[in-house]
Every structure is written in structure tokens, then in C-alpha cells.
Amino acid sequence: MRANLINARKEKGYTQQYVADYLGIGVNAYQKIEYGTRLGKIATWDKLEDLFNIHQRVLRKLY
């Protein structure tokens, strides 16, 4: 599980659906990224970094 990614999303008040729409992917694909079962493309992590203003290395950390 990527706790930093989940916490960043919740702190902003965003739903998984909102973030998935922002990224242009399905909600199931985004859930897999959050749960750590899917890595995601570099471009996806670039967008997440911009959305949350947190370096992607921090967001990608698995716990």
C-alpha cells in the first residue's frame, strides 16, 4: 500500500474517481496504483507529483 499517496489524496479531499479522471485512467487502474499492485507510467507519477505538490519518490514509497 502506498500510504503517502493515499494520505495526500485524502488531505486534498479528492476521491479516487477524481484523481483517476485527472490522470485520464480508470478508477480501477488508479486503485491498483494506490494499493501498490500496479506501478503506473512515469507520466502518471509526474501528474500525481503536480497534483499533490509532493515529490513522486515520496508518493511511490510502499508501506
PDB file of N, CA and C in Angstrom:
ATOM      1  N   MET A   1       0.852  -1.181   0.000  1.00  0.00           N
ATOM      2  CA  MET A   1       0.000   0.000   0.000  1.00  0.00           C
ATOM      3  C   MET A   1       0.893   1.239   0.000  1.00  0.00           C
ATOM      4  N   ARG A   2       0.501   2.206  -0.777  1.00  0.00           N
ATOM      5  CA  ARG A   2       1.238   3.467  -0.829  1.00  0.00           C
ATOM      6  C   ARG A   2       0.533   4.478   0.079  1.00  0.00           C
ATOM      7  N   ALA A   3       0.891   4.439   1.347  1.00  0.00           N
ATOM      8  CA  ALA A   3       0.230   5.275   2.349  1.00  0.00           C
ATOM      9  C   ALA A   3       0.413   6.762   2.066  1.00  0.00           C
ATOM     10  N   ASN A   4       1.581   7.172   1.586  1.00  0.00           N
ATOM     11  CA  ASN A   4       1.806   8.593   1.311  1.00  0.00           C
ATOM     12  C   ASN A   4       0.890   9.094   0.203  1.00  0.00           C
ATOM     13  N   LEU A   5       0.673   8.280  -0.800  1.00  0.00           N
ATOM     14  CA  LEU A   5      -0.218   8.652  -1.901  1.00  0.00           C
ATOM     15  C   LEU A   5      -1.658   8.743  -1.407  1.00  0.00           C
ATOM     16  N   ILE A   6      -2.071   7.768  -0.636  1.00  0.00           N
ATOM     17  CA  ILE A   6      -3.435   7.758  -0.094  1.00  0.00           C
ATOM     18  C   ILE A   6      -3.653   8.960   0.820  1.00  0.00           C
ATOM     19  N   ASN A   7      -2.695   9.218   1.700  1.00  0.00           N
ATOM     20  CA  ASN A   7      -2.818  10.350   2.626  1.00  0.00           C
ATOM     21  C   ASN A   7      -2.849  11.676   1.886  1.00  0.00           C
ATOM     22  N   ALA A   8      -2.031  11.821   0.844  1.00  0.00           N
ATOM     23  CA  ALA A   8      -2.023  13.059   0.057  1.00  0.00           C
ATOM     24  C   ALA A   8      -3.380  13.288  -0.590  1.00  0.00           C
ATOM     25  N   ARG A   9      -3.955  12.222  -1.125  1.00  0.00           N
ATOM     26  CA  ARG A   9      -5.276  12.343  -1.767  1.00  0.00           C
ATOM     27  C   ARG A   9      -6.337  12.733  -0.755  1.00  0.00           C
ATOM     28  N   LYS A  10      -6.317  12.083   0.397  1.00  0.00           N
ATOM     29  CA  LYS A  10      -7.325  12.365   1.422  1.00  0.00           C
ATOM     30  C   LYS A  10      -7.168  13.764   2.007  1.00  0.00           C
ATOM     31  N   GLU A  11      -5.925  14.222   2.172  1.00  0.00           N
ATOM     32  CA  GLU A  11      -5.696  15.574   2.692  1.00  0.00           C
ATOM     33  C   GLU A  11      -6.259  16.641   1.768  1.00  0.00           C
ATOM     34  N   LYS A  12      -6.216  16.382   0.469  1.00  0.00           N
ATOM     35  CA  LYS A  12      -6.784  17.322  -0.503  1.00  0.00           C
ATOM     36  C   LYS A  12      -8.305  17.183  -0.612  1.00  0.00           C
ATOM     37  N   GLY A  13      -8.851  16.110  -0.055  1.00  0.00           N
ATOM     38  CA  GLY A  13     -10.285  15.878  -0.144  1.00  0.00           C
ATOM     39  C   GLY A  13     -10.720  15.296  -1.477  1.00  0.00           C
ATOM     40  N   TYR A  14      -9.783  14.694  -2.207  1.00  0.00           N
ATOM     41  CA  TYR A  14     -10.086  14.127  -3.509  1.00  0.00           C
ATOM     42  C   TYR A  14     -10.542  12.675  -3.381  1.00  0.00           C
ATOM     43  N   THR A  15     -11.447  12.294  -4.226  1.00  0.00           N
ATOM     44  CA  THR A  15     -11.846  10.891  -4.311  1.00  0.00           C
ATOM     45  C   THR A  15     -10.911  10.173  -5.274  1.00  0.00           C
ATOM     46  N   GLN A  16     -10.922   8.848  -5.205  1.00  0.00           N
ATOM     47  CA  GLN A  16     -10.153   8.069  -6.170  1.00  0.00           C
ATOM     48  C   GLN A  16     -10.649   8.338  -7.576  1.00  0.00           C
ATOM     49  N   GLN A  17     -11.935   8.521  -7.743  1.00  0.00           N
ATOM     50  CA  GLN A  17     -12.506   8.811  -9.057  1.00  0.00           C
ATOM     51  C   GLN A  17     -11.992  10.136  -9.593  1.00  0.00           C
ATOM     52  N   TYR A  18     -11.934  11.153  -8.731  1.00  0.00           N
ATOM     53  CA  TYR A  18     -11.435  12.462  -9.159  1.00  0.00           C
ATOM     54  C   TYR A  18      -9.997  12.355  -9.663  1.00  0.00           C
ATOM     55  N   VAL A  19      -9.149  11.672  -8.894  1.00  0.00           N
ATOM     56  CA  VAL A  19      -7.739  11.545  -9.284  1.00  0.00           C
ATOM     57  C   VAL A  19      -7.609  10.736 -10.572  1.00  0.00           C
ATOM     58  N   ALA A  20      -8.374   9.663 -10.677  1.00  0.00           N
ATOM     59  CA  ALA A  20      -8.344   8.853 -11.896  1.00  0.00           C
ATOM     60  C   ALA A  20      -8.750   9.686 -13.108  1.00  0.00           C
ATOM     61  N   ASP A  21      -9.796  10.481 -12.971  1.00  0.00           N
ATOM     62  CA  ASP A  21     -10.225  11.354 -14.063  1.00  0.00           C
ATOM     63  C   ASP A  21      -9.134  12.364 -14.420  1.00  0.00           C
ATOM     64  N   TYR A  22      -8.499  12.936 -13.413  1.00  0.00           N
ATOM     65  CA  TYR A  22      -7.409  13.885 -13.628  1.00  0.00           C
ATOM     66  C   TYR A  22      -6.271  13.236 -14.421  1.00  0.00           C
ATOM     67  N   LEU A  23      -5.999  11.984 -14.093  1.00  0.00           N
ATOM     68  CA  LEU A  23      -4.913  11.251 -14.754  1.00  0.00           C
ATOM     69  C   LEU A  23      -5.315  10.704 -16.120  1.00  0.00           C
ATOM     70  N   GLY A  24      -6.615  10.629 -16.368  1.00  0.00           N
ATOM     71  CA  GLY A  24      -7.097  10.070 -17.627  1.00  0.00           C
ATOM     72  C   GLY A  24      -7.049   8.548 -17.651  1.00  0.00           C
ATOM     73  N   ILE A  25      -7.214   7.930 -16.476  1.00  0.00           N
ATOM     74  CA  ILE A  25      -7.229   6.468 -16.378  1.00  0.00           C
ATOM     75  C   ILE A  25      -8.490   6.045 -15.636  1.00  0.00           C
ATOM     76  N   GLY A  26      -8.783   4.772 -15.664  1.00  0.00           N
ATOM     77  CA  GLY A  26      -9.939   4.261 -14.947  1.00  0.00           C
ATOM     78  C   GLY A  26      -9.685   4.224 -13.447  1.00  0.00           C
ATOM     79  N   VAL A  27     -10.761   4.260 -12.690  1.00  0.00           N
ATOM     80  CA  VAL A  27     -10.628   4.248 -11.236  1.00  0.00           C
ATOM     81  C   VAL A  27      -9.994   2.949 -10.754  1.00  0.00           C
ATOM     82  N   ASN A  28     -10.284   1.831 -11.416  1.00  0.00           N
ATOM     83  CA  ASN A  28      -9.675   0.560 -11.015  1.00  0.00           C
ATOM     84  C   ASN A  28      -8.165   0.588 -11.209  1.00  0.00           C
ATOM     85  N   ALA A  29      -7.714   1.193 -12.281  1.00  0.00           N
ATOM     86  CA  ALA A  29      -6.272   1.315 -12.519  1.00  0.00           C
ATOM     87  C   ALA A  29      -5.632   2.188 -11.439  1.00  0.00           C
ATOM     88  N   TYR A  30      -6.316   3.273 -11.090  1.00  0.00           N
ATOM     89  CA  TYR A  30      -5.767   4.143 -10.034  1.00  0.00           C
ATOM     90  C   TYR A  30      -5.734   3.423  -8.683  1.00  0.00           C
ATOM     91  N   GLN A  31      -6.770   2.676  -8.379  1.00  0.00           N
ATOM     92  CA  GLN A  31      -6.793   1.925  -7.123  1.00  0.00           C
ATOM     93  C   GLN A  31      -5.610   0.967  -7.043  1.00  0.00           C
ATOM     94  N   LYS A  32      -5.275   0.324  -8.139  1.00  0.00           N
ATOM     95  CA  LYS A  32      -4.139  -0.597  -8.153  1.00  0.00           C
ATOM     96  C   LYS A  32      -2.828   0.145  -7.904  1.00  0.00           C
ATOM     97  N   ILE A  33      -2.729   1.374  -8.396  1.00  0.00           N
ATOM     98  CA  ILE A  33      -1.533   2.174  -8.121  1.00  0.00           C
ATOM     99  C   ILE A  33      -1.466   2.493  -6.633  1.00  0.00           C
ATOM    100  N   GLU A  34      -2.584   2.907  -6.045  1.00  0.00           N
ATOM    101  CA  GLU A  34      -2.613   3.203  -4.610  1.00  0.00           C
ATOM    102  C   GLU A  34      -2.282   1.972  -3.774  1.00  0.00           C
ATOM    103  N   TYR A  35      -2.794   0.841  -4.159  1.00  0.00           N
ATOM    104  CA  TYR A  35      -2.596  -0.383  -3.378  1.00  0.00           C
ATOM    105  C   TYR A  35      -1.233  -1.009  -3.623  1.00  0.00           C
ATOM    106  N   GLY A  36      -0.501  -0.496  -4.625  1.00  0.00           N
ATOM    107  CA  GLY A  36       0.839  -0.991  -4.883  1.00  0.00           C
ATOM    108  C   GLY A  36       0.894  -2.245  -5.731  1.00  0.00           C
ATOM    109  N   THR A  37      -0.215  -2.619  -6.353  1.00  0.00           N
ATOM    110  CA  THR A  37      -0.224  -3.801  -7.211  1.00  0.00           C
ATOM    111  C   THR A  37       0.053  -3.453  -8.672  1.00  0.00           C
ATOM    112  N   ARG A  38       0.124  -2.163  -8.968  1.00  0.00           N
ATOM    113  CA  ARG A  38       0.448  -1.680 -10.315  1.00  0.00           C
ATOM    114  C   ARG A  38       1.395  -0.499 -10.158  1.00  0.00           C
ATOM    115  N   LEU A  39       2.439  -0.482 -10.958  1.00  0.00           N
ATOM    116  CA  LEU A  39       3.427   0.587 -10.836  1.00  0.00           C
ATOM    117  C   LEU A  39       2.917   1.910 -11.388  1.00  0.00           C
ATOM    118  N   GLY A  40       2.380   1.904 -12.569  1.00  0.00           N
ATOM    119  CA  GLY A  40       1.947   3.142 -13.210  1.00  0.00           C
ATOM    120  C   GLY A  40       3.060   3.715 -14.069  1.00  0.00           C
ATOM    121  N   LYS A  41       2.693   4.453 -15.074  1.00  0.00           N
ATOM    122  CA  LYS A  41       3.657   5.035 -16.006  1.00  0.00           C
ATOM    123  C   LYS A  41       4.334   6.254 -15.382  1.00  0.00           C
ATOM    124  N   ILE A  42       5.496   6.580 -15.908  1.00  0.00           N
ATOM    125  CA  ILE A  42       6.232   7.751 -15.414  1.00  0.00           C
ATOM    126  C   ILE A  42       5.394   9.014 -15.580  1.00  0.00           C
ATOM    127  N   ALA A  43       4.688   9.126 -16.691  1.00  0.00           N
ATOM    128  CA  ALA A  43       3.846  10.305 -16.927  1.00  0.00           C
ATOM    129  C   ALA A  43       2.745  10.412 -15.870  1.00  0.00           C
ATOM    130  N   THR A  44       2.233   9.270 -15.423  1.00  0.00           N
ATOM    131  CA  THR A  44       1.216   9.265 -14.373  1.00  0.00           C
ATOM    132  C   THR A  44       1.795   9.821 -13.082  1.00  0.00           C
ATOM    133  N   TRP A  45       2.997   9.387 -12.727  1.00  0.00           N
ATOM    134  CA  TRP A  45       3.638   9.870 -11.498  1.00  0.00           C
ATOM    135  C   TRP A  45       3.991  11.351 -11.604  1.00  0.00           C
ATOM    136  N   ASP A  46       4.344  11.809 -12.803  1.00  0.00           N
ATOM    137  CA  ASP A  46       4.601  13.238 -12.999  1.00  0.00           C
ATOM    138  C   ASP A  46       3.343  14.048 -12.713  1.00  0.00           C
ATOM    139  N   LYS A  47       2.207  13.552 -13.193  1.00  0.00           N
ATOM    140  CA  LYS A  47       0.940  14.248 -12.956  1.00  0.00           C
ATOM    141  C   LYS A  47       0.557  14.215 -11.479  1.00  0.00           C
ATOM    142  N   LEU A  48       0.779  13.072 -10.821  1.00  0.00           N
ATOM    143  CA  LEU A  48       0.478  12.976  -9.388  1.00  0.00           C
ATOM    144  C   LEU A  48       1.349  13.941  -8.581  1.00  0.00           C
ATOM    145  N   GLU A  49       2.601  14.036  -8.969  1.00  0.00           N
ATOM    146  CA  GLU A  49       3.516  14.965  -8.304  1.00  0.00           C
ATOM    147  C   GLU A  49       2.999  16.398  -8.433  1.00  0.00           C
ATOM    148  N   ASP A  50       2.543  16.769  -9.617  1.00  0.00           N
ATOM    149  CA  ASP A  50       1.988  18.109  -9.838  1.00  0.00           C
ATOM    150  C   ASP A  50       0.695  18.319  -9.059  1.00  0.00           C
ATOM    151  N   LEU A  51      -0.166  17.315  -9.047  1.00  0.00           N
ATOM    152  CA  LEU A  51      -1.455  17.432  -8.381  1.00  0.00           C
ATOM    153  C   LEU A  51      -1.302  17.627  -6.868  1.00  0.00           C
ATOM    154  N   PHE A  52      -0.415  16.856  -6.266  1.00  0.00           N
ATOM    155  CA  PHE A  52      -0.271  16.891  -4.809  1.00  0.00           C
ATOM    156  C   PHE A  52       0.884  17.759  -4.324  1.00  0.00           C
ATOM    157  N   ASN A  53       1.723  18.217  -5.253  1.00  0.00           N
ATOM    158  CA  ASN A  53       2.881  19.022  -4.911  1.00  0.00           C
ATOM    159  C   ASN A  53       3.802  18.296  -3.918  1.00  0.00           C
ATOM    160  N   ILE A  54       3.962  17.008  -4.164  1.00  0.00           N
ATOM    161  CA  ILE A  54       4.828  16.143  -3.361  1.00  0.00           C
ATOM    162  C   ILE A  54       5.668  15.343  -4.344  1.00  0.00           C
ATOM    163  N   HIS A  55       6.964  15.242  -4.074  1.00  0.00           N
ATOM    164  CA  HIS A  55       7.853  14.521  -4.990  1.00  0.00           C
ATOM    165  C   HIS A  55       7.368  13.089  -5.159  1.00  0.00           C
ATOM    166  N   GLN A  56       7.432  12.614  -6.394  1.00  0.00           N
ATOM    167  CA  GLN A  56       6.903  11.277  -6.687  1.00  0.00           C
ATOM    168  C   GLN A  56       7.642  10.166  -5.957  1.00  0.00           C
ATOM    169  N   ARG A  57       8.901  10.363  -5.614  1.00  0.00           N
ATOM    170  CA  ARG A  57       9.618   9.341  -4.839  1.00  0.00           C
ATOM    171  C   ARG A  57       8.965   9.134  -3.484  1.00  0.00           C
ATOM    172  N   VAL A  58       8.462  10.196  -2.918  1.00  0.00           N
ATOM    173  CA  VAL A  58       7.752  10.105  -1.644  1.00  0.00           C
ATOM    174  C   VAL A  58       6.407   9.424  -1.851  1.00  0.00           C
ATOM    175  N   LEU A  59       5.695   9.799  -2.896  1.00  0.00           N
ATOM    176  CA  LEU A  59       4.382   9.222  -3.172  1.00  0.00           C
ATOM    177  C   LEU A  59       4.469   7.739  -3.507  1.00  0.00           C
ATOM    178  N   ARG A  60       5.540   7.323  -4.171  1.00  0.00           N
ATOM    179  CA  ARG A  60       5.665   5.927  -4.627  1.00  0.00           C
ATOM    180  C   ARG A  60       6.057   4.967  -3.515  1.00  0.00           C
ATOM    181  N   LYS A  61       6.509   5.472  -2.401  1.00  0.00           N
ATOM    182  CA  LYS A  61       7.009   4.609  -1.331  1.00  0.00           C
ATOM    183  C   LYS A  61       5.932   3.615  -0.879  1.00  0.00           C
ATOM    184  N   LEU A  62       6.314   2.354  -0.834  1.00  0.00           N
ATOM    185  CA  LEU A  62       5.389   1.291  -0.393  1.00  0.00           C
ATOM    186  C   LEU A  62       5.546   1.069   1.109  1.00  0.00           C
ATOM    187  N   TYR A  63       4.423   0.864   1.778  1.00  0.00           N
ATOM    188  CA  TYR A  63       4.434   0.576   3.223  1.00  0.00           C
ATOM    189  C   TYR A  63       3.723  -0.724   3.464  1.00  0.00           C
TER     190      TYR A  63
END
